[in-house]
Amino acid sequence: MSQTLVIQSHRSPLPYSWIESCLESVRHWCGMNQYKYQFIGDELFENVTGDILEKTRQQKVIAADLARLFALQDALLNNQTVVWLDADFLIFSPEKFVLPDQSYAVGREVWVQQDKNGKLKAYKKVHNAFLMFRRGNSFLDFYADTAQRLLEQNQGAMPPQFIGPKLLTALHNVTNLPVLETAGMFSPMVIKDIIQGQGPALELFQTQSPATITGVNVCISSLDKNEVTASEMNLLIELLLAQAH
């Protein structure tokens, strides 16, 4: 029986070439640690009910947030530890990206943006671009059941992060979920400051982050919203990988 399986998924073909660099960084990290690796295409959604697929037809990211939980549940039947990493997650310091000893863990989000008054503010949350569960954990089944029930009961509009970071952060605020602090996330303002070599958003991010991150969700949604360009994303990834070496 394998000890650890890492799962990733994305539709094909990849919409941006830089995503392959992210995927390769995860495959490299798996090889270093002798972890099994699995890439899933649209078959990821096979366990999601037709009703939920129809309800999220225009917001496939919501269905994917549920589908990953089902995939992780299935994977735990044959593995001691399972890990989910989004396709746009870059492990740029693989020697220091180490799975925690806890029975489960989520990622850390420190999102830096301007508030309504134009002042920089860091919003500290958790995210599901990194998820880890070990066999016998107490959280995965509860999370999957709660997420599915919320989707089944919901009758109105849903934000994209409905059962992902929003639900996880709400649970974290009450129960203090285990967090892998080195599994971070970059907002567009932080990305631009990294490219420039410095800046107030990056400085705030660093001071508000509980640990130095070694892997990061670079947020493809920022590019889809035209908040970051493809060339900026390529440059970001090149800089991060170069700094690690």
Protein backbone atom coordinates (compact mmCIF):
# COMPACT_ATOMS: atom_id res chain seq x y z
CA MET A 1 0.00 0.00 0.00
CA SER A 2 1.34 3.44 -0.93
CA GLN A 3 1.84 5.88 1.93
CA THR A 4 1.10 9.22 0.21
CA LEU A 5 -0.79 10.19 -2.94
CA VAL A 6 -0.85 13.71 -4.39
CA ILE A 7 -3.78 14.61 -6.66
CA GLN A 8 -4.14 17.47 -9.14
CA SER A 9 -6.74 18.27 -11.78
CA HIS A 10 -7.45 20.66 -14.63
CA ARG A 11 -9.32 20.68 -17.88
CA SER A 12 -7.35 20.00 -21.07
CA PRO A 13 -5.80 21.65 -22.89
CA LEU A 14 -4.28 23.95 -20.28
CA PRO A 15 -5.40 27.56 -20.90
CA TYR A 16 -1.99 29.07 -20.02
CA SER A 17 1.49 27.66 -20.57
CA TRP A 18 2.71 28.70 -17.12
CA ILE A 19 0.34 26.20 -15.48
CA GLU A 20 2.61 23.43 -16.76
CA SER A 21 5.46 24.95 -14.74
CA CYS A 22 3.28 24.74 -11.65
CA LEU A 23 2.34 21.12 -12.36
CA GLU A 24 5.98 20.22 -12.98
CA SER A 25 7.00 21.78 -9.66
CA VAL A 26 4.53 19.51 -7.86
CA ARG A 27 5.64 16.43 -9.79
CA HIS A 28 9.26 17.26 -8.90
CA TRP A 29 8.34 17.61 -5.22
CA CYS A 30 6.54 14.26 -5.34
CA GLY A 31 9.58 12.62 -6.87
CA MET A 32 11.85 14.05 -4.18
CA ASN A 33 9.62 12.59 -1.46
CA GLN A 34 8.66 9.35 -3.25
CA TYR A 35 5.00 10.31 -3.24
CA LYS A 36 2.57 8.87 -5.78
CA TYR A 37 1.12 11.39 -8.22
CA GLN A 38 -2.24 11.40 -10.01
CA PHE A 39 -3.60 13.91 -12.51
CA ILE A 40 -7.36 13.87 -13.08
CA GLY A 41 -9.27 15.40 -15.97
CA ASP A 42 -13.03 15.87 -16.20
CA GLU A 43 -13.53 12.47 -14.57
CA LEU A 44 -13.03 14.44 -11.35
CA PHE A 45 -16.74 15.28 -11.51
CA GLU A 46 -18.03 11.71 -11.83
CA ASN A 47 -19.11 11.50 -8.18
CA VAL A 48 -20.92 14.84 -8.16
CA THR A 49 -24.70 14.50 -8.55
CA GLY A 50 -26.42 15.73 -11.67
CA ASP A 51 -28.47 18.23 -9.66
CA ILE A 52 -25.36 19.88 -8.25
CA LEU A 53 -23.62 19.86 -11.63
CA GLU A 54 -26.64 21.61 -13.14
CA LYS A 55 -26.81 24.11 -10.28
CA THR A 56 -23.12 24.97 -10.73
CA ARG A 57 -23.13 24.81 -14.54
CA GLN A 58 -21.97 28.42 -14.81
CA GLN A 59 -19.63 28.11 -11.81
CA LYS A 60 -17.67 24.93 -12.34
CA VAL A 61 -15.14 25.99 -9.72
CA ILE A 62 -17.80 25.34 -7.06
CA ALA A 63 -18.42 21.82 -8.34
CA ALA A 64 -14.65 21.26 -8.40
CA ASP A 65 -14.40 22.27 -4.75
CA LEU A 66 -16.82 19.46 -3.89
CA ALA A 67 -15.44 16.96 -6.39
CA ARG A 68 -11.93 17.20 -4.91
CA LEU A 69 -13.29 16.14 -1.54
CA PHE A 70 -14.89 13.04 -3.04
CA ALA A 71 -11.64 12.23 -4.86
CA LEU A 72 -9.69 12.53 -1.63
CA GLN A 73 -12.17 10.30 0.19
CA ASP A 74 -11.79 7.62 -2.48
CA ALA A 75 -8.00 7.94 -2.43
CA LEU A 76 -7.83 7.41 1.34
CA LEU A 77 -9.15 3.88 0.83
CA ASN A 78 -5.76 2.88 -0.62
CA ASN A 79 -3.37 5.44 0.86
CA GLN A 80 -2.37 6.52 4.34
CA THR A 81 -2.11 10.21 3.33
CA VAL A 82 -3.71 12.12 0.48
CA VAL A 83 -2.89 15.64 -0.71
CA TRP A 84 -4.74 17.97 -3.06
CA LEU A 85 -2.89 20.78 -4.81
CA ASP A 86 -4.58 23.10 -7.30
CA ALA A 87 -3.10 23.13 -10.80
CA ASP A 88 -1.99 26.74 -10.26
CA PHE A 89 -0.06 25.89 -7.09
CA LEU A 90 3.71 26.37 -7.40
CA ILE A 91 6.14 24.64 -5.05
CA PHE A 92 9.18 26.87 -5.46
CA SER A 93 11.17 25.68 -2.43
CA PRO A 94 10.51 21.92 -2.43
CA GLU A 95 13.05 21.05 0.28
CA LYS A 96 11.16 23.28 2.71
CA PHE A 97 7.63 22.38 1.65
CA VAL A 98 6.99 19.69 4.24
CA LEU A 99 3.70 18.01 5.10
CA PRO A 100 2.67 18.59 8.72
CA ASP A 101 2.35 15.89 11.35
CA GLN A 102 -1.34 16.60 11.93
CA SER A 103 -4.10 14.28 10.73
CA TYR A 104 -5.30 16.98 8.31
CA ALA A 105 -4.41 20.50 7.23
CA VAL A 106 -5.51 23.34 4.96
CA GLY A 107 -3.57 26.19 3.32
CA ARG A 108 -3.00 29.76 4.52
CA GLU A 109 -4.43 32.79 2.71
CA VAL A 110 -3.11 36.26 3.47
CA TRP A 111 -4.89 38.36 0.85
CA VAL A 112 -3.57 41.89 0.47
CA GLN A 113 -5.75 44.48 -1.24
CA GLN A 114 -7.02 48.01 -0.76
CA ASP A 115 -10.03 48.54 1.45
CA LYS A 116 -12.89 50.89 0.54
CA ASN A 117 -10.80 53.85 1.72
CA GLY A 118 -7.84 52.90 -0.47
CA LYS A 119 -5.74 51.69 2.46
CA LEU A 120 -3.80 48.45 2.13
CA LYS A 121 -5.20 45.68 4.29
CA ALA A 122 -4.29 42.03 4.79
CA TYR A 123 -7.23 39.63 5.13
CA LYS A 124 -6.08 36.47 6.89
CA LYS A 125 -8.06 33.37 5.93
CA VAL A 126 -7.50 29.73 4.95
CA HIS A 127 -7.81 28.10 1.53
CA ASN A 128 -8.38 24.76 -0.15
CA ALA A 129 -5.73 25.02 -2.89
CA PHE A 130 -3.75 22.81 -0.52
CA LEU A 131 -5.53 20.08 1.41
CA MET A 132 -4.01 17.15 3.29
CA PHE A 133 -5.81 14.29 5.00
CA ARG A 134 -4.45 11.22 6.73
CA ARG A 135 -6.42 8.04 7.22
CA GLY A 136 -8.59 8.25 10.31
CA ASN A 137 -8.82 12.06 10.28
CA SER A 138 -11.96 13.57 11.79
CA PHE A 139 -12.56 16.35 9.27
CA LEU A 140 -12.77 15.22 5.63
CA ASP A 141 -16.09 13.36 5.86
CA PHE A 142 -17.66 16.21 7.81
CA TYR A 143 -16.37 18.80 5.34
CA ALA A 144 -17.57 16.86 2.29
CA ASP A 145 -21.00 16.19 3.80
CA THR A 146 -21.43 19.83 4.86
CA ALA A 147 -20.33 21.17 1.48
CA GLN A 148 -22.68 18.84 -0.41
CA ARG A 149 -25.60 19.69 1.89
CA LEU A 150 -25.04 23.44 1.47
CA LEU A 151 -25.05 23.08 -2.31
CA GLU A 152 -28.17 20.92 -2.29
CA GLN A 153 -30.05 23.36 -0.06
CA ASN A 154 -28.92 26.59 -1.72
CA GLN A 155 -31.52 28.19 -3.97
CA GLY A 156 -29.90 31.53 -4.80
CA ALA A 157 -26.67 32.94 -6.14
CA MET A 158 -23.43 31.51 -4.82
CA PRO A 159 -20.02 33.20 -4.60
CA PRO A 160 -17.21 31.24 -6.32
CA GLN A 161 -15.60 30.42 -2.95
CA PHE A 162 -18.89 29.28 -1.39
CA ILE A 163 -17.80 25.81 -0.19
CA GLY A 164 -14.06 26.44 -0.61
CA PRO A 165 -12.23 29.23 1.23
CA LYS A 166 -15.43 30.86 2.55
CA LEU A 167 -16.72 27.70 4.23
CA LEU A 168 -13.26 26.65 5.40
CA THR A 169 -12.53 30.09 6.86
CA ALA A 170 -15.88 30.12 8.68
CA LEU A 171 -15.07 26.72 10.18
CA HIS A 172 -11.52 27.84 10.96
CA ASN A 173 -12.76 30.90 12.82
CA VAL A 174 -14.76 28.63 15.13
CA THR A 175 -12.59 25.51 15.40
CA ASN A 176 -9.04 26.68 14.58
CA LEU A 177 -8.26 24.18 11.82
CA PRO A 178 -4.68 22.89 11.44
CA VAL A 179 -2.95 25.08 8.83
CA LEU A 180 0.18 24.45 6.77
CA GLU A 181 1.48 28.00 7.04
CA THR A 182 4.03 27.48 4.24
CA ALA A 183 1.22 26.80 1.72
CA GLY A 184 0.31 30.37 0.78
CA MET A 185 -1.61 32.41 -1.77
CA PHE A 186 -0.71 35.60 -3.67
CA SER A 187 -3.08 38.46 -4.44
CA PRO A 188 -2.49 40.54 -7.61
CA MET A 189 -0.93 43.38 -5.62
CA VAL A 190 1.58 41.03 -4.02
CA ILE A 191 2.42 39.49 -7.40
CA LYS A 192 3.17 42.91 -8.88
CA ASP A 193 5.39 43.85 -5.92
CA ILE A 194 7.36 40.61 -6.20
CA ILE A 195 8.00 41.36 -9.87
CA GLN A 196 9.15 44.87 -8.96
CA GLY A 197 11.41 43.49 -6.23
CA GLN A 198 9.67 45.33 -3.40
CA GLY A 199 6.55 47.23 -2.46
CA PRO A 200 4.06 47.93 0.35
CA ALA A 201 1.75 45.02 -0.52
CA LEU A 202 4.61 42.52 -0.40
CA GLU A 203 5.88 44.01 2.85
CA LEU A 204 2.43 43.74 4.43
CA PHE A 205 2.08 40.18 3.16
CA GLN A 206 5.39 39.20 4.73
CA THR A 207 4.65 40.80 8.09
CA GLN A 208 1.17 39.26 8.29
CA SER A 209 2.19 35.76 7.15
CA PRO A 210 2.78 33.43 10.12
CA ALA A 211 5.64 31.68 8.29
CA THR A 212 7.80 32.07 5.18
CA ILE A 213 5.88 30.39 2.39
CA THR A 214 7.56 27.73 0.24
CA GLY A 215 4.62 26.91 -2.01
CA VAL A 216 1.93 29.23 -3.31
CA ASN A 217 -1.39 29.32 -5.12
CA VAL A 218 -0.78 32.02 -7.74
CA CYS A 219 -4.53 32.28 -8.46
CA ILE A 220 -5.44 31.75 -12.09
CA SER A 221 -8.62 33.71 -11.30
CA SER A 222 -6.52 36.89 -11.03
CA LEU A 223 -5.51 36.43 -14.66
CA ASP A 224 -9.04 35.54 -15.73
CA LYS A 225 -10.20 38.83 -14.16
CA ASN A 226 -7.44 40.76 -15.97
CA GLU A 227 -5.89 41.78 -12.63
CA VAL A 228 -2.61 40.15 -13.69
CA THR A 229 -1.33 39.52 -17.22
CA ALA A 230 0.00 36.23 -18.56
CA SER A 231 3.45 37.78 -18.99
CA GLU A 232 3.42 38.92 -15.35
CA MET A 233 2.48 35.41 -14.24
CA ASN A 234 5.28 33.92 -16.31
CA LEU A 235 7.75 36.38 -14.84
CA LEU A 236 6.53 35.70 -11.30
CA ILE A 237 7.07 31.96 -11.68
CA GLU A 238 10.51 32.46 -13.22
CA LEU A 239 11.53 34.74 -10.34
CA LEU A 240 10.27 32.38 -7.65
CA LEU A 241 11.98 29.36 -9.15
CA ALA A 242 15.20 31.30 -9.67
CA GLN A 243 15.22 32.58 -6.08
CA ALA A 244 14.80 29.06 -4.80
CA HIS A 245 18.01 28.06 -6.51
